[in-house]
Amino acid sequence: MKNVTVGIFTDTHANLHALHAVLEYFRSIECDHIYHLGDCVCMGAFPAECMQILLRSDIISVRGNHDNDYLLNSTAKKGNSHVIPEHKERTFSLAGDSFKKDIEALPYIRYATWFGRTFCFTHYARYYDELMGREKFYTIEEHASPARLDEMFSYVRAEAVFYGHKHSPSLDWGKRLYMDVGSLACHRGAYARGAVLRVYENSAYSIERISVPYDRNSALSSMAERDIPGMDEMEKYYYAGD
């Protein structure tokens, strides 16, 4: 078996322009596998088009919190979110119901083993909420220490965890490696970002962050063209970060 090349990205959030850019790059380097770490919808103008690619192709996906909102038609504004109900209503309407079975079939976590190395791909850490009687994503912790990450991901059985959700990239070493890949395009840059994991026949592995130029202005103007409410909020809070 040859060395394995894995493309990883997360939090596409209906940004079709950025999605095309990163996938073109992954195809150009002949990735053996491509993983998307959740959140297909909200914050962008093309929910149906993105879900068609992310859920009905050879891309390997996991379920994110916004995917759950779409599945449950939950439009409420939650916690520190700036995604207003009208925005969700419009984007869920554009997506229609045809992808709900695809989302329902997605796991929250996936494992893969190559050359004896096991890797975890997930949206974020989860825990069991006794009061609600179900599992929930942890509240985002922007600067969680390695010890805290060990605690949050204590159920993971892998030597490296790739995740998303908080949008800003990070890399930490605790009992294992923790890499937040960083949202594909919910940041101020005119580039789509992700990571490339390479696992070698001698069991060594390497990780490279990648940034691919894309037409950010067209992606943002598409929200106005498609009558997506809350564009100002999206630009101010989600397309202005790191």
C-alpha atoms as a PDB file:
ATOM      1  CA  MET A   1       0.000   0.000   0.000  1.00  0.00           C
ATOM      2  CA  LYS A   2       1.277   3.467  -0.868  1.00  0.00           C
ATOM      3  CA  ASN A   3       1.454   6.483   1.411  1.00  0.00           C
ATOM      4  CA  VAL A   4      -1.972   7.954   2.197  1.00  0.00           C
ATOM      5  CA  THR A   5      -2.902  11.587   1.505  1.00  0.00           C
ATOM      6  CA  VAL A   6      -5.988  12.959   3.260  1.00  0.00           C
ATOM      7  CA  GLY A   7      -7.656  16.326   2.631  1.00  0.00           C
ATOM      8  CA  ILE A   8      -9.483  17.802   5.630  1.00  0.00           C
ATOM      9  CA  PHE A   9     -11.724  20.848   5.904  1.00  0.00           C
ATOM     10  CA  THR A  10     -14.628  21.996   8.022  1.00  0.00           C
ATOM     11  CA  ASP A  11     -17.472  24.459   8.500  1.00  0.00           C
ATOM     12  CA  THR A  12     -18.268  25.104   4.846  1.00  0.00           C
ATOM     13  CA  HIS A  13     -21.423  27.000   5.881  1.00  0.00           C
ATOM     14  CA  ALA A  14     -22.958  27.128   2.402  1.00  0.00           C
ATOM     15  CA  ASN A  15     -19.992  28.917   0.809  1.00  0.00           C
ATOM     16  CA  LEU A  16     -19.983  27.252  -2.587  1.00  0.00           C
ATOM     17  CA  HIS A  17     -17.183  29.391  -4.015  1.00  0.00           C
ATOM     18  CA  ALA A  18     -14.760  28.364  -1.276  1.00  0.00           C
ATOM     19  CA  LEU A  19     -15.903  24.746  -1.449  1.00  0.00           C
ATOM     20  CA  HIS A  20     -15.091  24.498  -5.149  1.00  0.00           C
ATOM     21  CA  ALA A  21     -11.666  26.047  -4.547  1.00  0.00           C
ATOM     22  CA  VAL A  22     -10.565  23.685  -1.773  1.00  0.00           C
ATOM     23  CA  LEU A  23     -11.883  20.583  -3.537  1.00  0.00           C
ATOM     24  CA  GLU A  24     -10.079  21.537  -6.733  1.00  0.00           C
ATOM     25  CA  TYR A  25      -6.869  21.752  -4.732  1.00  0.00           C
ATOM     26  CA  PHE A  26      -7.437  18.406  -2.992  1.00  0.00           C
ATOM     27  CA  ARG A  27      -8.133  16.765  -6.348  1.00  0.00           C
ATOM     28  CA  SER A  28      -4.998  18.341  -7.828  1.00  0.00           C
ATOM     29  CA  ILE A  29      -2.774  16.685  -5.214  1.00  0.00           C
ATOM     30  CA  GLU A  30      -4.655  13.396  -5.635  1.00  0.00           C
ATOM     31  CA  CYS A  31      -5.975  12.972  -2.117  1.00  0.00           C
ATOM     32  CA  ASP A  32      -6.938   9.399  -1.345  1.00  0.00           C
ATOM     33  CA  HIS A  33      -9.652  10.561   1.058  1.00  0.00           C
ATOM     34  CA  ILE A  34     -11.385  13.881   1.785  1.00  0.00           C
ATOM     35  CA  TYR A  35     -13.068  14.594   5.126  1.00  0.00           C
ATOM     36  CA  HIS A  36     -15.530  17.387   5.937  1.00  0.00           C
ATOM     37  CA  LEU A  37     -15.918  17.980   9.670  1.00  0.00           C
ATOM     38  CA  GLY A  38     -19.468  19.295   9.775  1.00  0.00           C
ATOM     39  CA  ASP A  39     -21.690  22.349   9.312  1.00  0.00           C
ATOM     40  CA  CYS A  40     -22.794  22.349   5.691  1.00  0.00           C
ATOM     41  CA  VAL A  41     -25.369  25.128   6.095  1.00  0.00           C
ATOM     42  CA  CYS A  42     -26.028  28.675   7.386  1.00  0.00           C
ATOM     43  CA  MET A  43     -23.887  31.817   6.951  1.00  0.00           C
ATOM     44  CA  GLY A  44     -23.700  31.429   3.178  1.00  0.00           C
ATOM     45  CA  ALA A  45     -25.920  31.551   0.111  1.00  0.00           C
ATOM     46  CA  PHE A  46     -25.777  28.009  -1.317  1.00  0.00           C
ATOM     47  CA  PRO A  47     -26.978  25.421   1.233  1.00  0.00           C
ATOM     48  CA  ALA A  48     -28.502  22.958  -1.222  1.00  0.00           C
ATOM     49  CA  GLU A  49     -25.596  23.133  -3.646  1.00  0.00           C
ATOM     50  CA  CYS A  50     -23.067  22.571  -0.865  1.00  0.00           C
ATOM     51  CA  MET A  51     -24.989  19.687   0.675  1.00  0.00           C
ATOM     52  CA  GLN A  52     -25.283  18.046  -2.734  1.00  0.00           C
ATOM     53  CA  ILE A  53     -21.487  17.988  -2.933  1.00  0.00           C
ATOM     54  CA  LEU A  54     -20.714  17.270   0.718  1.00  0.00           C
ATOM     55  CA  LEU A  55     -23.329  14.567   1.282  1.00  0.00           C
ATOM     56  CA  ARG A  56     -23.704  12.879  -2.082  1.00  0.00           C
ATOM     57  CA  SER A  57     -20.169  12.393  -3.343  1.00  0.00           C
ATOM     58  CA  ASP A  58     -17.031  10.594  -2.216  1.00  0.00           C
ATOM     59  CA  ILE A  59     -16.423  13.176   0.525  1.00  0.00           C
ATOM     60  CA  ILE A  60     -16.572  11.645   4.014  1.00  0.00           C
ATOM     61  CA  SER A  61     -18.593  13.860   6.354  1.00  0.00           C
ATOM     62  CA  VAL A  62     -19.586  14.099  10.000  1.00  0.00           C
ATOM     63  CA  ARG A  63     -22.511  15.955  11.537  1.00  0.00           C
ATOM     64  CA  GLY A  64     -22.229  19.487  12.953  1.00  0.00           C
ATOM     65  CA  ASN A  65     -24.514  21.628  15.089  1.00  0.00           C
ATOM     66  CA  HIS A  66     -25.913  23.621  12.158  1.00  0.00           C
ATOM     67  CA  ASP A  67     -26.589  20.376  10.347  1.00  0.00           C
ATOM     68  CA  ASN A  68     -28.683  19.370  13.357  1.00  0.00           C
ATOM     69  CA  ASP A  69     -30.539  22.682  13.219  1.00  0.00           C
ATOM     70  CA  TYR A  70     -31.401  22.024   9.583  1.00  0.00           C
ATOM     71  CA  LEU A  71     -32.476  18.458  10.365  1.00  0.00           C
ATOM     72  CA  LEU A  72     -34.760  19.609  13.196  1.00  0.00           C
ATOM     73  CA  ASN A  73     -35.809  22.848  11.463  1.00  0.00           C
ATOM     74  CA  SER A  74     -34.540  24.677  14.536  1.00  0.00           C
ATOM     75  CA  THR A  75     -34.347  28.369  13.675  1.00  0.00           C
ATOM     76  CA  ALA A  76     -33.902  29.788  17.179  1.00  0.00           C
ATOM     77  CA  LYS A  77     -30.934  32.047  17.882  1.00  0.00           C
ATOM     78  CA  LYS A  78     -28.715  30.141  20.308  1.00  0.00           C
ATOM     79  CA  GLY A  79     -26.170  31.241  22.884  1.00  0.00           C
ATOM     80  CA  ASN A  80     -23.641  33.676  21.456  1.00  0.00           C
ATOM     81  CA  SER A  81     -24.715  32.975  17.890  1.00  0.00           C
ATOM     82  CA  HIS A  82     -25.343  35.878  15.538  1.00  0.00           C
ATOM     83  CA  VAL A  83     -27.331  33.727  13.117  1.00  0.00           C
ATOM     84  CA  ILE A  84     -30.793  35.259  13.281  1.00  0.00           C
ATOM     85  CA  PRO A  85     -33.938  33.107  12.885  1.00  0.00           C
ATOM     86  CA  GLU A  86     -34.818  34.769   9.575  1.00  0.00           C
ATOM     87  CA  HIS A  87     -31.455  33.743   8.165  1.00  0.00           C
ATOM     88  CA  LYS A  88     -32.007  30.114   9.109  1.00  0.00           C
ATOM     89  CA  GLU A  89     -35.560  30.142   7.812  1.00  0.00           C
ATOM     90  CA  ARG A  90     -34.409  31.381   4.407  1.00  0.00           C
ATOM     91  CA  THR A  91     -31.415  29.054   4.083  1.00  0.00           C
ATOM     92  CA  PHE A  92     -33.389  26.005   5.260  1.00  0.00           C
ATOM     93  CA  SER A  93     -36.049  26.910   2.715  1.00  0.00           C
ATOM     94  CA  LEU A  94     -33.426  27.053  -0.040  1.00  0.00           C
ATOM     95  CA  ALA A  95     -32.090  23.677   1.060  1.00  0.00           C
ATOM     96  CA  GLY A  96     -35.505  22.020   1.113  1.00  0.00           C
ATOM     97  CA  ASP A  97     -36.126  18.740   2.903  1.00  0.00           C
ATOM     98  CA  SER A  98     -34.412  16.356   0.521  1.00  0.00           C
ATOM     99  CA  PHE A  99     -31.104  16.299   2.418  1.00  0.00           C
ATOM    100  CA  LYS A 100     -32.545  15.535   5.858  1.00  0.00           C
ATOM    101  CA  LYS A 101     -32.146  11.787   5.504  1.00  0.00           C
ATOM    102  CA  ASP A 102     -28.516  12.350   4.479  1.00  0.00           C
ATOM    103  CA  ILE A 103     -27.865  14.435   7.595  1.00  0.00           C
ATOM    104  CA  GLU A 104     -29.688  11.951   9.820  1.00  0.00           C
ATOM    105  CA  ALA A 105     -27.408   9.189   8.543  1.00  0.00           C
ATOM    106  CA  LEU A 106     -24.222  11.100   9.393  1.00  0.00           C
ATOM    107  CA  PRO A 107     -22.256  10.032  12.470  1.00  0.00           C
ATOM    108  CA  TYR A 108     -20.799  12.573  14.883  1.00  0.00           C
ATOM    109  CA  ILE A 109     -17.404  10.928  14.811  1.00  0.00           C
ATOM    110  CA  ARG A 110     -15.374   8.875  12.381  1.00  0.00           C
ATOM    111  CA  TYR A 111     -12.143   6.956  12.837  1.00  0.00           C
ATOM    112  CA  ALA A 112      -9.608   5.878  10.253  1.00  0.00           C
ATOM    113  CA  THR A 113      -6.477   3.765  10.664  1.00  0.00           C
ATOM    114  CA  TRP A 114      -3.581   3.781   8.235  1.00  0.00           C
ATOM    115  CA  PHE A 115      -0.286   1.949   8.812  1.00  0.00           C
ATOM    116  CA  GLY A 116      -1.206   1.375  12.443  1.00  0.00           C
ATOM    117  CA  ARG A 117      -2.016   5.047  13.153  1.00  0.00           C
ATOM    118  CA  THR A 118      -5.591   5.871  14.196  1.00  0.00           C
ATOM    119  CA  PHE A 119      -7.090   9.313  13.556  1.00  0.00           C
ATOM    120  CA  CYS A 120     -10.364  10.851  14.701  1.00  0.00           C
ATOM    121  CA  PHE A 121     -12.506  13.201  12.602  1.00  0.00           C
ATOM    122  CA  THR A 122     -15.330  15.063  14.358  1.00  0.00           C
ATOM    123  CA  HIS A 123     -17.030  18.457  14.546  1.00  0.00           C
ATOM    124  CA  TYR A 124     -16.316  19.139  18.221  1.00  0.00           C
ATOM    125  CA  ALA A 125     -16.276  17.435  21.602  1.00  0.00           C
ATOM    126  CA  ARG A 126     -19.576  16.106  22.955  1.00  0.00           C
ATOM    127  CA  TYR A 127     -20.946  15.158  26.361  1.00  0.00           C
ATOM    128  CA  TYR A 128     -24.090  13.608  27.804  1.00  0.00           C
ATOM    129  CA  ASP A 129     -26.521  16.173  29.226  1.00  0.00           C
ATOM    130  CA  GLU A 130     -28.374  14.462  32.073  1.00  0.00           C
ATOM    131  CA  LEU A 131     -31.114  17.099  32.172  1.00  0.00           C
ATOM    132  CA  MET A 132     -31.862  16.884  28.454  1.00  0.00           C
ATOM    133  CA  GLY A 133     -31.240  13.155  28.248  1.00  0.00           C
ATOM    134  CA  ARG A 134     -29.067  13.344  25.159  1.00  0.00           C
ATOM    135  CA  GLU A 135     -25.591  14.150  23.917  1.00  0.00           C
ATOM    136  CA  LYS A 136     -24.671  17.756  23.172  1.00  0.00           C
ATOM    137  CA  PHE A 137     -21.710  19.638  21.800  1.00  0.00           C
ATOM    138  CA  TYR A 138     -19.655  21.414  24.422  1.00  0.00           C
ATOM    139  CA  THR A 139     -19.899  25.199  24.461  1.00  0.00           C
ATOM    140  CA  ILE A 140     -17.011  26.542  22.398  1.00  0.00           C
ATOM    141  CA  GLU A 141     -13.858  27.183  24.419  1.00  0.00           C
ATOM    142  CA  GLU A 142     -11.662  29.494  22.357  1.00  0.00           C
ATOM    143  CA  HIS A 143      -8.432  28.838  24.245  1.00  0.00           C
ATOM    144  CA  ALA A 144      -8.877  25.448  25.859  1.00  0.00           C
ATOM    145  CA  SER A 145      -5.676  24.138  27.427  1.00  0.00           C
ATOM    146  CA  PRO A 146      -4.263  20.762  26.386  1.00  0.00           C
ATOM    147  CA  ALA A 147      -5.439  19.357  29.734  1.00  0.00           C
ATOM    148  CA  ARG A 148      -8.946  20.674  29.081  1.00  0.00           C
ATOM    149  CA  LEU A 149      -8.943  19.186  25.589  1.00  0.00           C
ATOM    150  CA  ASP A 150      -7.880  15.849  27.077  1.00  0.00           C
ATOM    151  CA  GLU A 151     -10.906  16.085  29.353  1.00  0.00           C
ATOM    152  CA  MET A 152     -13.344  17.135  26.632  1.00  0.00           C
ATOM    153  CA  PHE A 153     -12.172  14.451  24.196  1.00  0.00           C
ATOM    154  CA  SER A 154     -11.561  11.760  26.820  1.00  0.00           C
ATOM    155  CA  TYR A 155     -13.814   9.289  24.966  1.00  0.00           C
ATOM    156  CA  VAL A 156     -11.729   9.443  21.794  1.00  0.00           C
ATOM    157  CA  ARG A 157      -9.578   6.430  20.986  1.00  0.00           C
ATOM    158  CA  ALA A 158      -7.069   7.895  18.563  1.00  0.00           C
ATOM    159  CA  GLU A 159      -3.694   9.576  18.644  1.00  0.00           C
ATOM    160  CA  ALA A 160      -4.839  12.660  16.753  1.00  0.00           C
ATOM    161  CA  VAL A 161      -8.152  14.516  16.636  1.00  0.00           C
ATOM    162  CA  PHE A 162      -9.178  16.787  13.761  1.00  0.00           C
ATOM    163  CA  TYR A 163     -12.131  19.056  14.515  1.00  0.00           C
ATOM    164  CA  GLY A 164     -13.794  22.403  13.749  1.00  0.00           C
ATOM    165  CA  HIS A 165     -16.780  24.338  15.117  1.00  0.00           C
ATOM    166  CA  LYS A 166     -14.990  27.345  16.617  1.00  0.00           C
ATOM    167  CA  HIS A 167     -13.795  28.514  13.167  1.00  0.00           C
ATOM    168  CA  SER A 168     -10.329  29.713  14.232  1.00  0.00           C
ATOM    169  CA  PRO A 169      -7.443  27.270  13.683  1.00  0.00           C
ATOM    170  CA  SER A 170      -5.372  25.883  16.531  1.00  0.00           C
ATOM    171  CA  LEU A 171      -2.934  23.081  17.253  1.00  0.00           C
ATOM    172  CA  ASP A 172      -2.368  21.567  20.700  1.00  0.00           C
ATOM    173  CA  TRP A 173      -0.603  18.565  22.193  1.00  0.00           C
ATOM    174  CA  GLY A 174      -2.054  16.845  25.235  1.00  0.00           C
ATOM    175  CA  LYS A 175      -2.389  13.099  25.530  1.00  0.00           C
ATOM    176  CA  ARG A 176      -2.831  13.278  21.766  1.00  0.00           C
ATOM    177  CA  LEU A 177      -2.661  15.882  19.005  1.00  0.00           C
ATOM    178  CA  TYR A 178      -5.673  18.227  18.678  1.00  0.00           C
ATOM    179  CA  MET A 179      -6.053  20.217  15.477  1.00  0.00           C
ATOM    180  CA  ASP A 180      -8.861  22.656  14.809  1.00  0.00           C
ATOM    181  CA  VAL A 181      -8.598  22.939  11.055  1.00  0.00           C
ATOM    182  CA  GLY A 182     -10.353  26.342  11.056  1.00  0.00           C
ATOM    183  CA  SER A 183     -13.466  27.163   9.080  1.00  0.00           C
ATOM    184  CA  LEU A 184     -13.159  26.832   5.327  1.00  0.00           C
ATOM    185  CA  ALA A 185     -14.064  30.484   4.693  1.00  0.00           C
ATOM    186  CA  CYS A 186     -15.683  32.073   7.768  1.00  0.00           C
ATOM    187  CA  HIS A 187     -12.791  34.486   8.246  1.00  0.00           C
ATOM    188  CA  ARG A 188     -11.521  37.742   6.787  1.00  0.00           C
ATOM    189  CA  GLY A 189      -9.227  36.213   4.177  1.00  0.00           C
ATOM    190  CA  ALA A 190      -9.928  35.687   0.482  1.00  0.00           C
ATOM    191  CA  TYR A 191      -8.794  32.098   0.691  1.00  0.00           C
ATOM    192  CA  ALA A 192     -10.327  28.717   1.433  1.00  0.00           C
ATOM    193  CA  ARG A 193      -8.424  26.790   4.030  1.00  0.00           C
ATOM    194  CA  GLY A 194      -7.992  23.236   5.190  1.00  0.00           C
ATOM    195  CA  ALA A 195      -5.294  20.719   6.003  1.00  0.00           C
ATOM    196  CA  VAL A 196      -3.519  17.822   4.371  1.00  0.00           C
ATOM    197  CA  LEU A 197      -2.631  14.781   6.456  1.00  0.00           C
ATOM    198  CA  ARG A 198      -0.014  12.449   5.013  1.00  0.00           C
ATOM    199  CA  VAL A 199       0.527   9.045   6.573  1.00  0.00           C
ATOM    200  CA  TYR A 200       3.615   7.156   5.451  1.00  0.00           C
ATOM    201  CA  GLU A 201       4.405   3.483   5.109  1.00  0.00           C
ATOM    202  CA  ASN A 202       6.845   3.684   8.033  1.00  0.00           C
ATOM    203  CA  SER A 203       3.893   4.891  10.229  1.00  0.00           C
ATOM    204  CA  ALA A 204       5.157   8.476  10.452  1.00  0.00           C
ATOM    205  CA  TYR A 205       2.700  11.218   9.557  1.00  0.00           C
ATOM    206  CA  SER A 206       2.769  14.920   8.729  1.00  0.00           C
ATOM    207  CA  ILE A 207       0.170  17.695   8.678  1.00  0.00           C
ATOM    208  CA  GLU A 208       0.190  20.731   6.409  1.00  0.00           C
ATOM    209  CA  ARG A 209      -2.199  23.676   6.569  1.00  0.00           C
ATOM    210  CA  ILE A 210      -3.320  24.900   3.155  1.00  0.00           C
ATOM    211  CA  SER A 211      -4.848  28.149   1.887  1.00  0.00           C
ATOM    212  CA  VAL A 212      -6.363  28.365  -1.584  1.00  0.00           C
ATOM    213  CA  PRO A 213      -7.467  31.685  -3.167  1.00  0.00           C
ATOM    214  CA  TYR A 214     -11.176  32.035  -3.953  1.00  0.00           C
ATOM    215  CA  ASP A 215     -13.622  34.757  -5.020  1.00  0.00           C
ATOM    216  CA  ARG A 216     -14.665  36.028  -1.595  1.00  0.00           C
ATOM    217  CA  ASN A 217     -16.480  39.092  -2.941  1.00  0.00           C
ATOM    218  CA  SER A 218     -18.735  36.969  -5.134  1.00  0.00           C
ATOM    219  CA  ALA A 219     -19.461  34.638  -2.235  1.00  0.00           C
ATOM    220  CA  LEU A 220     -20.589  37.550  -0.060  1.00  0.00           C
ATOM    221  CA  SER A 221     -22.553  39.351  -2.771  1.00  0.00           C
ATOM    222  CA  SER A 222     -24.412  36.109  -3.501  1.00  0.00           C
ATOM    223  CA  MET A 223     -26.170  36.493  -0.165  1.00  0.00           C
ATOM    224  CA  ALA A 224     -27.768  39.716  -1.351  1.00  0.00           C
ATOM    225  CA  GLU A 225     -28.565  38.247  -4.761  1.00  0.00           C
ATOM    226  CA  ARG A 226     -30.314  35.262  -3.151  1.00  0.00           C
ATOM    227  CA  ASP A 227     -32.152  37.395  -0.605  1.00  0.00           C
ATOM    228  CA  ILE A 228     -30.434  35.886   2.447  1.00  0.00           C
ATOM    229  CA  PRO A 229     -31.389  37.814   5.624  1.00  0.00           C
ATOM    230  CA  GLY A 230     -28.707  38.798   8.110  1.00  0.00           C
ATOM    231  CA  MET A 231     -25.928  39.481   5.605  1.00  0.00           C
ATOM    232  CA  ASP A 232     -24.583  42.312   7.781  1.00  0.00           C
ATOM    233  CA  GLU A 233     -24.345  39.956  10.757  1.00  0.00           C
ATOM    234  CA  MET A 234     -22.606  37.318   8.668  1.00  0.00           C
ATOM    235  CA  GLU A 235     -19.999  39.793   7.413  1.00  0.00           C
ATOM    236  CA  LYS A 236     -19.442  41.433  10.781  1.00  0.00           C
ATOM    237  CA  TYR A 237     -19.139  38.329  12.926  1.00  0.00           C
ATOM    238  CA  TYR A 238     -18.397  35.326  10.738  1.00  0.00           C
ATOM    239  CA  TYR A 239     -16.471  36.732   7.783  1.00  0.00           C
ATOM    240  CA  ALA A 240     -14.241  39.033   9.824  1.00  0.00           C
ATOM    241  CA  GLY A 241     -12.423  36.650  12.171  1.00  0.00           C
ATOM    242  CA  ASP A 242      -9.118  34.806  12.045  1.00  0.00           C
END
